[in-house]
Amino acid sequence: MKTAGIILSSTRIDIHFYNVIAQARQIIQQNFYAQQRQVMETSRIISQTNDEISAMITDSYNQAQATNDRVLTKFDDYIRGIDRYNDGGSTVQLPSGYAHAWSDRNGDYVITDDPLYNPNTGAAGSWHELHRKD
């Protein structure tokens, strides 16, 4: 006990030693924070890459689904024997196999293969030719 008391009472704080310890502590702390910044940057890059890959997979899936929908719709139209036409912003389904279709916008339609036929000639009403929707 007497020896421990002598050791404790004889110790002095050396300011040079204290400064070296503080500098070493600061260097270790700066290295730690630099490593943490690098880890965060790596994490950000990985997250961004994952988001881009996920978006590419989603876009690819959506494109494949849209293609399949178009193919199945065309097959369904073929089986049902219809063609789709644009009529003032809406789509109408008329029997297939005709070259021309006309509408009076009142729900009446005329379909024909005759390229010279015009329902406006000698008829009441205002007919306009429909364009096939592809």
N, C-alpha and C. Protein backbone atom coordinates (compact mmCIF):
# COMPACT_ATOMS: atom_id res chain seq x y z
N MET A 1 0.81 -1.18 0.00
CA MET A 1 0.00 0.00 0.00
C MET A 1 0.87 1.26 0.00
N LYS A 2 1.95 1.19 0.75
CA LYS A 2 2.85 2.31 0.83
C LYS A 2 3.51 2.55 -0.54
N THR A 3 3.84 1.48 -1.25
CA THR A 3 4.47 1.61 -2.56
C THR A 3 3.50 2.23 -3.56
N ALA A 4 2.22 1.82 -3.53
CA ALA A 4 1.23 2.39 -4.44
C ALA A 4 1.06 3.87 -4.18
N GLY A 5 1.09 4.29 -2.96
CA GLY A 5 0.95 5.70 -2.64
C GLY A 5 2.12 6.50 -3.16
N ILE A 6 3.32 5.94 -3.06
CA ILE A 6 4.52 6.62 -3.56
C ILE A 6 4.42 6.78 -5.09
N ILE A 7 3.97 5.71 -5.78
CA ILE A 7 3.86 5.76 -7.24
C ILE A 7 2.84 6.82 -7.66
N LEU A 8 1.70 6.84 -7.01
CA LEU A 8 0.66 7.81 -7.37
C LEU A 8 1.09 9.24 -7.08
N SER A 9 1.80 9.43 -6.02
CA SER A 9 2.19 10.80 -5.68
C SER A 9 3.37 11.28 -6.53
N SER A 10 4.12 10.36 -7.13
CA SER A 10 5.28 10.79 -7.91
C SER A 10 4.98 10.94 -9.40
N THR A 11 3.81 10.58 -9.86
CA THR A 11 3.50 10.72 -11.27
C THR A 11 3.15 12.16 -11.61
N ARG A 12 3.73 12.61 -12.72
CA ARG A 12 3.44 13.95 -13.22
C ARG A 12 2.92 13.83 -14.65
N ILE A 13 2.06 14.72 -15.03
CA ILE A 13 1.55 14.73 -16.39
C ILE A 13 2.59 15.42 -17.25
N ASP A 14 3.07 14.67 -18.27
CA ASP A 14 4.02 15.22 -19.23
C ASP A 14 3.21 15.80 -20.39
N ILE A 15 3.30 17.10 -20.62
CA ILE A 15 2.49 17.77 -21.64
C ILE A 15 2.85 17.27 -23.04
N HIS A 16 4.12 16.94 -23.29
CA HIS A 16 4.51 16.41 -24.61
C HIS A 16 3.85 15.05 -24.85
N PHE A 17 3.88 14.19 -23.84
CA PHE A 17 3.26 12.87 -23.97
C PHE A 17 1.75 13.03 -24.18
N TYR A 18 1.13 13.93 -23.45
CA TYR A 18 -0.31 14.18 -23.58
C TYR A 18 -0.65 14.67 -25.00
N ASN A 19 0.16 15.56 -25.58
CA ASN A 19 -0.06 16.06 -26.94
C ASN A 19 0.07 14.95 -27.98
N VAL A 20 1.06 14.07 -27.81
CA VAL A 20 1.25 12.96 -28.74
C VAL A 20 0.02 12.04 -28.70
N ILE A 21 -0.47 11.75 -27.50
CA ILE A 21 -1.67 10.91 -27.36
C ILE A 21 -2.87 11.59 -28.01
N ALA A 22 -3.05 12.88 -27.83
CA ALA A 22 -4.17 13.62 -28.42
C ALA A 22 -4.07 13.62 -29.95
N GLN A 23 -2.85 13.79 -30.48
CA GLN A 23 -2.67 13.76 -31.93
C GLN A 23 -2.97 12.37 -32.49
N ALA A 24 -2.50 11.34 -31.80
CA ALA A 24 -2.76 9.96 -32.24
C ALA A 24 -4.27 9.69 -32.22
N ARG A 25 -4.93 10.16 -31.16
CA ARG A 25 -6.39 9.99 -31.06
C ARG A 25 -7.09 10.70 -32.21
N GLN A 26 -6.64 11.90 -32.57
CA GLN A 26 -7.24 12.67 -33.66
C GLN A 26 -7.01 11.97 -35.00
N ILE A 27 -5.82 11.44 -35.23
CA ILE A 27 -5.53 10.72 -36.48
C ILE A 27 -6.41 9.48 -36.59
N ILE A 28 -6.53 8.73 -35.52
CA ILE A 28 -7.38 7.53 -35.52
C ILE A 28 -8.83 7.91 -35.79
N GLN A 29 -9.29 8.99 -35.18
CA GLN A 29 -10.68 9.44 -35.38
C GLN A 29 -10.90 9.89 -36.83
N GLN A 30 -9.97 10.63 -37.41
CA GLN A 30 -10.10 11.07 -38.81
C GLN A 30 -10.12 9.88 -39.76
N ASN A 31 -9.26 8.90 -39.51
CA ASN A 31 -9.26 7.69 -40.34
C ASN A 31 -10.58 6.94 -40.23
N PHE A 32 -11.12 6.88 -39.03
CA PHE A 32 -12.41 6.20 -38.82
C PHE A 32 -13.52 6.91 -39.61
N TYR A 33 -13.57 8.23 -39.53
CA TYR A 33 -14.60 8.98 -40.25
C TYR A 33 -14.42 8.88 -41.76
N ALA A 34 -13.17 8.86 -42.23
CA ALA A 34 -12.92 8.70 -43.66
C ALA A 34 -13.40 7.33 -44.13
N GLN A 35 -13.16 6.30 -43.33
CA GLN A 35 -13.65 4.96 -43.68
C GLN A 35 -15.18 4.94 -43.69
N GLN A 36 -15.80 5.60 -42.74
CA GLN A 36 -17.26 5.65 -42.69
C GLN A 36 -17.83 6.36 -43.90
N ARG A 37 -17.18 7.46 -44.34
CA ARG A 37 -17.63 8.16 -45.54
C ARG A 37 -17.52 7.24 -46.77
N GLN A 38 -16.43 6.49 -46.85
CA GLN A 38 -16.25 5.56 -47.96
C GLN A 38 -17.31 4.46 -47.93
N VAL A 39 -17.61 3.96 -46.75
CA VAL A 39 -18.66 2.93 -46.62
C VAL A 39 -20.01 3.51 -47.04
N MET A 40 -20.32 4.72 -46.65
CA MET A 40 -21.59 5.35 -47.01
C MET A 40 -21.65 5.59 -48.52
N GLU A 41 -20.55 6.02 -49.14
CA GLU A 41 -20.54 6.23 -50.59
C GLU A 41 -20.73 4.91 -51.32
N THR A 42 -20.06 3.87 -50.86
CA THR A 42 -20.23 2.54 -51.46
C THR A 42 -21.68 2.08 -51.31
N SER A 43 -22.26 2.30 -50.15
CA SER A 43 -23.65 1.92 -49.91
C SER A 43 -24.59 2.69 -50.84
N ARG A 44 -24.32 3.99 -51.03
CA ARG A 44 -25.15 4.81 -51.93
C ARG A 44 -25.06 4.30 -53.36
N ILE A 45 -23.85 3.96 -53.81
CA ILE A 45 -23.66 3.45 -55.17
C ILE A 45 -24.39 2.13 -55.34
N ILE A 46 -24.29 1.24 -54.37
CA ILE A 46 -24.98 -0.05 -54.44
C ILE A 46 -26.48 0.15 -54.48
N SER A 47 -26.99 1.06 -53.65
CA SER A 47 -28.43 1.33 -53.62
C SER A 47 -28.91 1.90 -54.95
N GLN A 48 -28.15 2.84 -55.50
CA GLN A 48 -28.52 3.44 -56.79
C GLN A 48 -28.49 2.39 -57.90
N THR A 49 -27.49 1.53 -57.90
CA THR A 49 -27.40 0.46 -58.90
C THR A 49 -28.58 -0.50 -58.77
N ASN A 50 -28.93 -0.86 -57.55
CA ASN A 50 -30.08 -1.74 -57.33
C ASN A 50 -31.37 -1.10 -57.82
N ASP A 51 -31.53 0.20 -57.56
CA ASP A 51 -32.73 0.90 -58.04
C ASP A 51 -32.79 0.90 -59.57
N GLU A 52 -31.66 1.13 -60.22
CA GLU A 52 -31.62 1.13 -61.69
C GLU A 52 -31.92 -0.26 -62.25
N ILE A 53 -31.36 -1.28 -61.64
CA ILE A 53 -31.62 -2.65 -62.10
C ILE A 53 -33.09 -3.00 -61.90
N SER A 54 -33.64 -2.63 -60.77
CA SER A 54 -35.06 -2.89 -60.50
C SER A 54 -35.95 -2.17 -61.52
N ALA A 55 -35.61 -0.93 -61.85
CA ALA A 55 -36.39 -0.18 -62.84
C ALA A 55 -36.28 -0.84 -64.22
N MET A 56 -35.09 -1.32 -64.58
CA MET A 56 -34.92 -1.99 -65.88
C MET A 56 -35.74 -3.28 -65.93
N ILE A 57 -35.74 -4.03 -64.83
CA ILE A 57 -36.53 -5.27 -64.79
C ILE A 57 -38.01 -4.96 -64.91
N THR A 58 -38.47 -3.93 -64.18
CA THR A 58 -39.88 -3.55 -64.24
C THR A 58 -40.27 -3.08 -65.63
N ASP A 59 -39.43 -2.25 -66.26
CA ASP A 59 -39.71 -1.78 -67.62
C ASP A 59 -39.75 -2.93 -68.61
N SER A 60 -38.81 -3.85 -68.48
CA SER A 60 -38.78 -5.01 -69.37
C SER A 60 -40.04 -5.85 -69.20
N TYR A 61 -40.46 -6.06 -67.97
CA TYR A 61 -41.68 -6.82 -67.70
C TYR A 61 -42.89 -6.11 -68.30
N ASN A 62 -42.98 -4.80 -68.07
CA ASN A 62 -44.12 -4.04 -68.60
C ASN A 62 -44.16 -4.06 -70.13
N GLN A 63 -42.99 -3.97 -70.77
CA GLN A 63 -42.95 -4.03 -72.23
C GLN A 63 -43.38 -5.41 -72.73
N ALA A 64 -42.92 -6.46 -72.05
CA ALA A 64 -43.32 -7.82 -72.44
C ALA A 64 -44.82 -8.01 -72.27
N GLN A 65 -45.37 -7.48 -71.17
CA GLN A 65 -46.81 -7.59 -70.94
C GLN A 65 -47.60 -6.81 -71.99
N ALA A 66 -47.13 -5.62 -72.35
CA ALA A 66 -47.82 -4.82 -73.37
C ALA A 66 -47.79 -5.55 -74.72
N THR A 67 -46.66 -6.14 -75.04
CA THR A 67 -46.56 -6.91 -76.29
C THR A 67 -47.52 -8.09 -76.27
N ASN A 68 -47.53 -8.82 -75.17
CA ASN A 68 -48.45 -9.96 -75.05
C ASN A 68 -49.90 -9.51 -75.13
N ASP A 69 -50.22 -8.39 -74.52
CA ASP A 69 -51.60 -7.87 -74.58
C ASP A 69 -52.00 -7.55 -76.02
N ARG A 70 -51.08 -6.90 -76.77
CA ARG A 70 -51.38 -6.58 -78.18
C ARG A 70 -51.57 -7.85 -79.01
N VAL A 71 -50.69 -8.82 -78.80
CA VAL A 71 -50.78 -10.07 -79.57
C VAL A 71 -52.09 -10.78 -79.26
N LEU A 72 -52.42 -10.87 -77.98
CA LEU A 72 -53.66 -11.57 -77.60
C LEU A 72 -54.90 -10.81 -78.06
N THR A 73 -54.85 -9.48 -78.03
CA THR A 73 -55.99 -8.70 -78.52
C THR A 73 -56.18 -8.91 -80.02
N LYS A 74 -55.09 -8.89 -80.77
CA LYS A 74 -55.19 -9.11 -82.22
C LYS A 74 -55.70 -10.53 -82.51
N PHE A 75 -55.23 -11.52 -81.76
CA PHE A 75 -55.70 -12.89 -81.96
C PHE A 75 -57.18 -12.99 -81.61
N ASP A 76 -57.59 -12.35 -80.52
CA ASP A 76 -58.99 -12.35 -80.11
C ASP A 76 -59.86 -11.69 -81.19
N ASP A 77 -59.39 -10.55 -81.74
CA ASP A 77 -60.12 -9.87 -82.80
C ASP A 77 -60.23 -10.77 -84.04
N TYR A 78 -59.16 -11.48 -84.37
CA TYR A 78 -59.17 -12.38 -85.52
C TYR A 78 -60.19 -13.51 -85.31
N ILE A 79 -60.17 -14.10 -84.13
CA ILE A 79 -61.10 -15.20 -83.83
C ILE A 79 -62.54 -14.69 -83.87
N ARG A 80 -62.79 -13.51 -83.35
CA ARG A 80 -64.14 -12.95 -83.30
C ARG A 80 -64.54 -12.32 -84.63
N GLY A 81 -63.58 -12.11 -85.55
CA GLY A 81 -63.89 -11.55 -86.86
C GLY A 81 -64.23 -10.08 -86.81
N ILE A 82 -63.43 -9.31 -86.06
CA ILE A 82 -63.69 -7.87 -85.97
C ILE A 82 -62.42 -7.08 -86.30
N ASP A 83 -62.63 -5.85 -86.70
CA ASP A 83 -61.57 -4.85 -86.84
C ASP A 83 -61.92 -3.69 -85.93
N ARG A 84 -60.91 -3.05 -85.40
CA ARG A 84 -61.12 -1.89 -84.51
C ARG A 84 -60.86 -0.61 -85.30
N TYR A 85 -61.73 0.37 -85.09
CA TYR A 85 -61.62 1.67 -85.78
C TYR A 85 -61.65 2.79 -84.76
N ASN A 86 -60.97 3.90 -85.08
CA ASN A 86 -61.03 5.12 -84.26
C ASN A 86 -62.22 5.94 -84.74
N ASP A 87 -63.08 6.30 -83.80
CA ASP A 87 -64.25 7.12 -84.14
C ASP A 87 -64.33 8.28 -83.15
N GLY A 88 -63.65 9.36 -83.47
CA GLY A 88 -63.72 10.57 -82.65
C GLY A 88 -63.22 10.36 -81.23
N GLY A 89 -62.12 9.68 -81.05
CA GLY A 89 -61.55 9.48 -79.73
C GLY A 89 -61.97 8.19 -79.07
N SER A 90 -62.94 7.51 -79.60
CA SER A 90 -63.34 6.22 -79.04
C SER A 90 -63.03 5.12 -80.06
N THR A 91 -63.03 3.91 -79.58
CA THR A 91 -62.75 2.76 -80.44
C THR A 91 -64.04 1.98 -80.66
N VAL A 92 -64.31 1.66 -81.92
CA VAL A 92 -65.49 0.84 -82.24
C VAL A 92 -65.02 -0.45 -82.89
N GLN A 93 -65.80 -1.50 -82.68
CA GLN A 93 -65.50 -2.80 -83.26
C GLN A 93 -66.55 -3.09 -84.34
N LEU A 94 -66.04 -3.33 -85.55
CA LEU A 94 -66.92 -3.62 -86.68
C LEU A 94 -66.47 -4.93 -87.31
N PRO A 95 -67.36 -5.58 -88.07
CA PRO A 95 -66.97 -6.84 -88.71
C PRO A 95 -65.73 -6.65 -89.59
N SER A 96 -64.84 -7.64 -89.58
CA SER A 96 -63.59 -7.52 -90.33
C SER A 96 -63.80 -7.92 -91.79
N GLY A 97 -62.78 -7.60 -92.59
CA GLY A 97 -62.79 -8.00 -93.98
C GLY A 97 -63.23 -6.91 -94.93
N TYR A 98 -63.50 -5.73 -94.45
CA TYR A 98 -63.93 -4.63 -95.30
C TYR A 98 -62.84 -3.58 -95.38
N ALA A 99 -62.74 -2.95 -96.52
CA ALA A 99 -61.68 -1.97 -96.76
C ALA A 99 -62.01 -0.58 -96.21
N HIS A 100 -63.31 -0.25 -96.10
CA HIS A 100 -63.71 1.09 -95.70
C HIS A 100 -64.85 1.01 -94.69
N ALA A 101 -64.83 1.94 -93.74
CA ALA A 101 -65.91 2.05 -92.75
C ALA A 101 -66.24 3.52 -92.58
N TRP A 102 -67.53 3.79 -92.41
CA TRP A 102 -68.03 5.17 -92.28
C TRP A 102 -68.89 5.26 -91.02
N SER A 103 -68.92 6.45 -90.40
CA SER A 103 -69.74 6.67 -89.21
C SER A 103 -70.44 8.01 -89.33
N ASP A 104 -71.65 8.06 -88.75
CA ASP A 104 -72.35 9.35 -88.71
C ASP A 104 -72.34 9.94 -87.29
N ARG A 105 -71.59 9.34 -86.41
CA ARG A 105 -71.43 9.74 -85.01
C ARG A 105 -72.73 9.65 -84.22
N ASN A 106 -73.71 8.99 -84.76
CA ASN A 106 -74.96 8.74 -84.04
C ASN A 106 -75.10 7.25 -83.73
N GLY A 107 -74.01 6.52 -83.92
CA GLY A 107 -74.05 5.08 -83.67
C GLY A 107 -74.36 4.26 -84.91
N ASP A 108 -74.45 4.91 -86.07
CA ASP A 108 -74.70 4.19 -87.32
C ASP A 108 -73.38 4.06 -88.07
N TYR A 109 -73.16 2.88 -88.64
CA TYR A 109 -71.92 2.60 -89.36
C TYR A 109 -72.25 1.94 -90.70
N VAL A 110 -71.40 2.22 -91.68
CA VAL A 110 -71.50 1.59 -92.99
C VAL A 110 -70.11 1.03 -93.29
N ILE A 111 -70.06 -0.26 -93.69
CA ILE A 111 -68.79 -0.86 -94.08
C ILE A 111 -68.90 -1.32 -95.53
N THR A 112 -67.83 -1.16 -96.28
CA THR A 112 -67.87 -1.49 -97.70
C THR A 112 -66.46 -1.81 -98.21
N ASP A 113 -66.42 -2.51 -99.34
CA ASP A 113 -65.15 -2.74 -100.04
C ASP A 113 -65.00 -1.79 -101.22
N ASP A 114 -66.04 -1.04 -101.54
CA ASP A 114 -66.03 -0.14 -102.69
C ASP A 114 -65.29 1.15 -102.33
N PRO A 115 -64.14 1.42 -102.94
CA PRO A 115 -63.38 2.62 -102.62
C PRO A 115 -64.08 3.91 -103.09
N LEU A 116 -65.02 3.81 -104.00
CA LEU A 116 -65.72 4.99 -104.51
C LEU A 116 -67.01 5.29 -103.75
N TYR A 117 -67.42 4.40 -102.87
CA TYR A 117 -68.67 4.60 -102.14
C TYR A 117 -68.49 5.72 -101.11
N ASN A 118 -69.49 6.63 -101.10
CA ASN A 118 -69.50 7.72 -100.13
C ASN A 118 -70.93 7.87 -99.66
N PRO A 119 -71.24 7.55 -98.40
CA PRO A 119 -72.62 7.63 -97.92
C PRO A 119 -73.16 9.06 -97.87
N ASN A 120 -72.31 10.07 -97.98
CA ASN A 120 -72.77 11.46 -98.00
C ASN A 120 -73.44 11.83 -99.33
N THR A 121 -73.18 11.06 -100.37
CA THR A 121 -73.75 11.34 -101.69
C THR A 121 -75.20 10.86 -101.72
N GLY A 122 -76.13 11.79 -101.87
CA GLY A 122 -77.54 11.46 -101.98
C GLY A 122 -78.18 10.98 -100.69
N ALA A 123 -77.55 11.25 -99.55
CA ALA A 123 -78.13 10.81 -98.27
C ALA A 123 -78.11 11.96 -97.28
N ALA A 124 -79.02 11.90 -96.35
CA ALA A 124 -79.05 12.91 -95.30
C ALA A 124 -78.03 12.53 -94.23
N GLY A 125 -77.52 13.51 -93.56
CA GLY A 125 -76.58 13.24 -92.49
C GLY A 125 -75.17 13.63 -92.88
N SER A 126 -74.30 13.48 -91.94
CA SER A 126 -72.90 13.82 -92.17
C SER A 126 -72.05 12.61 -91.78
N TRP A 127 -71.57 11.92 -92.79
CA TRP A 127 -70.77 10.73 -92.58
C TRP A 127 -69.29 11.06 -92.73
N HIS A 128 -68.46 10.40 -91.94
CA HIS A 128 -67.01 10.55 -92.10
C HIS A 128 -66.37 9.16 -92.09
N GLU A 129 -65.28 9.05 -92.83
CA GLU A 129 -64.62 7.76 -92.94
C GLU A 129 -63.79 7.49 -91.68
N LEU A 130 -63.86 6.25 -91.22
CA LEU A 130 -63.10 5.83 -90.04
C LEU A 130 -61.75 5.27 -90.48
N HIS A 131 -60.78 5.36 -89.60
CA HIS A 131 -59.46 4.81 -89.87
C HIS A 131 -59.23 3.62 -88.95
N ARG A 132 -58.74 2.54 -89.55
CA ARG A 132 -58.50 1.31 -88.80
C ARG A 132 -57.42 1.55 -87.75
N LYS A 133 -57.66 1.00 -86.59
CA LYS A 133 -56.72 1.12 -85.47
C LYS A 133 -55.78 -0.08 -85.51
N ASP A 134 -54.50 0.20 -85.52
CA ASP A 134 -53.53 -0.91 -85.54
C ASP A 134 -52.90 -1.11 -84.20
